[in-house]
Amino acid sequence: MTINRTLSRTERLLQLTAYFLRLGTLGFGGPAALVALMKRELVERSQWLTRDELSQP
């Protein structure tokens, strides 16, 4: 799921909603599993965030 800057606001919101629905559905296993899944999806695959942005409190 990569975010495309040319998409409309509605389409980007749908992508974000789909991501969080998938995270909630597949995110069993506690916080460590969620962090690893979020890192893979948000930093490496979609590049919505940098590694530093994800690790900030």
C-alpha atoms as a PDB file:
ATOM      1  CA  MET A   1       0.000   0.000   0.000  1.00  0.00           C
ATOM      2  CA  THR A   2       1.867   3.051  -1.187  1.00  0.00           C
ATOM      3  CA  ILE A   3       0.411   6.492  -0.869  1.00  0.00           C
ATOM      4  CA  ASN A   4       0.259   8.432  -4.094  1.00  0.00           C
ATOM      5  CA  ARG A   5       0.343  12.228  -3.776  1.00  0.00           C
ATOM      6  CA  THR A   6      -1.882  12.589  -6.844  1.00  0.00           C
ATOM      7  CA  LEU A   7      -4.767  10.744  -5.203  1.00  0.00           C
ATOM      8  CA  SER A   8      -7.703  12.719  -3.929  1.00  0.00           C
ATOM      9  CA  ARG A   9      -8.150  13.329  -0.229  1.00  0.00           C
ATOM     10  CA  THR A  10     -10.939  10.734  -0.127  1.00  0.00           C
ATOM     11  CA  GLU A  11      -8.783   8.088  -1.800  1.00  0.00           C
ATOM     12  CA  ARG A  12      -5.914   8.722   0.625  1.00  0.00           C
ATOM     13  CA  LEU A  13      -8.316   8.494   3.561  1.00  0.00           C
ATOM     14  CA  LEU A  14      -9.587   5.170   2.231  1.00  0.00           C
ATOM     15  CA  GLN A  15      -6.000   3.855   2.005  1.00  0.00           C
ATOM     16  CA  LEU A  16      -5.317   4.930   5.579  1.00  0.00           C
ATOM     17  CA  THR A  17      -8.565   3.391   6.825  1.00  0.00           C
ATOM     18  CA  ALA A  18      -7.787   0.117   5.053  1.00  0.00           C
ATOM     19  CA  TYR A  19      -4.324   0.065   6.661  1.00  0.00           C
ATOM     20  CA  PHE A  20      -5.676   0.478  10.191  1.00  0.00           C
ATOM     21  CA  LEU A  21      -8.411  -2.107   9.617  1.00  0.00           C
ATOM     22  CA  ARG A  22      -5.757  -4.588   8.478  1.00  0.00           C
ATOM     23  CA  LEU A  23      -3.519  -3.688  11.429  1.00  0.00           C
ATOM     24  CA  GLY A  24      -6.369  -4.273  13.876  1.00  0.00           C
ATOM     25  CA  THR A  25      -7.352  -7.542  12.235  1.00  0.00           C
ATOM     26  CA  LEU A  26      -3.859  -9.001  11.931  1.00  0.00           C
ATOM     27  CA  GLY A  27      -2.346  -7.335  14.962  1.00  0.00           C
ATOM     28  CA  PHE A  28      -2.675 -10.157  17.446  1.00  0.00           C
ATOM     29  CA  GLY A  29       0.412 -10.970  19.482  1.00  0.00           C
ATOM     30  CA  GLY A  30       0.882  -7.908  21.629  1.00  0.00           C
ATOM     31  CA  PRO A  31       2.737  -4.637  21.257  1.00  0.00           C
ATOM     32  CA  ALA A  32       5.983  -6.093  19.897  1.00  0.00           C
ATOM     33  CA  ALA A  33       4.142  -7.706  16.989  1.00  0.00           C
ATOM     34  CA  LEU A  34       2.248  -4.477  16.280  1.00  0.00           C
ATOM     35  CA  VAL A  35       5.406  -2.365  16.262  1.00  0.00           C
ATOM     36  CA  ALA A  36       7.114  -4.746  13.850  1.00  0.00           C
ATOM     37  CA  LEU A  37       4.062  -4.766  11.568  1.00  0.00           C
ATOM     38  CA  MET A  38       3.765  -0.975  11.702  1.00  0.00           C
ATOM     39  CA  LYS A  39       7.479  -0.554  10.911  1.00  0.00           C
ATOM     40  CA  ARG A  40       7.237  -2.831   7.898  1.00  0.00           C
ATOM     41  CA  GLU A  41       4.074  -1.191   6.544  1.00  0.00           C
ATOM     42  CA  LEU A  42       4.575   2.489   7.408  1.00  0.00           C
ATOM     43  CA  VAL A  43       8.343   2.873   6.996  1.00  0.00           C
ATOM     44  CA  GLU A  44       9.555   0.239   4.563  1.00  0.00           C
ATOM     45  CA  ARG A  45       6.620  -0.494   2.299  1.00  0.00           C
ATOM     46  CA  SER A  46       4.465   2.651   2.139  1.00  0.00           C
ATOM     47  CA  GLN A  47       7.147   5.149   3.158  1.00  0.00           C
ATOM     48  CA  TRP A  48       4.529   7.271   4.907  1.00  0.00           C
ATOM     49  CA  LEU A  49       6.944   7.785   7.836  1.00  0.00           C
ATOM     50  CA  THR A  50      10.665   7.685   8.393  1.00  0.00           C
ATOM     51  CA  ARG A  51      12.173   5.332  10.968  1.00  0.00           C
ATOM     52  CA  ASP A  52      12.855   8.347  13.234  1.00  0.00           C
ATOM     53  CA  GLU A  53       9.261   9.598  12.967  1.00  0.00           C
ATOM     54  CA  LEU A  54       7.910   6.185  13.932  1.00  0.00           C
ATOM     55  CA  SER A  55      10.180   5.920  16.977  1.00  0.00           C
ATOM     56  CA  GLN A  56       9.348   9.363  18.403  1.00  0.00           C
ATOM     57  CA  PRO A  57       7.170   9.303  21.533  1.00  0.00           C
END
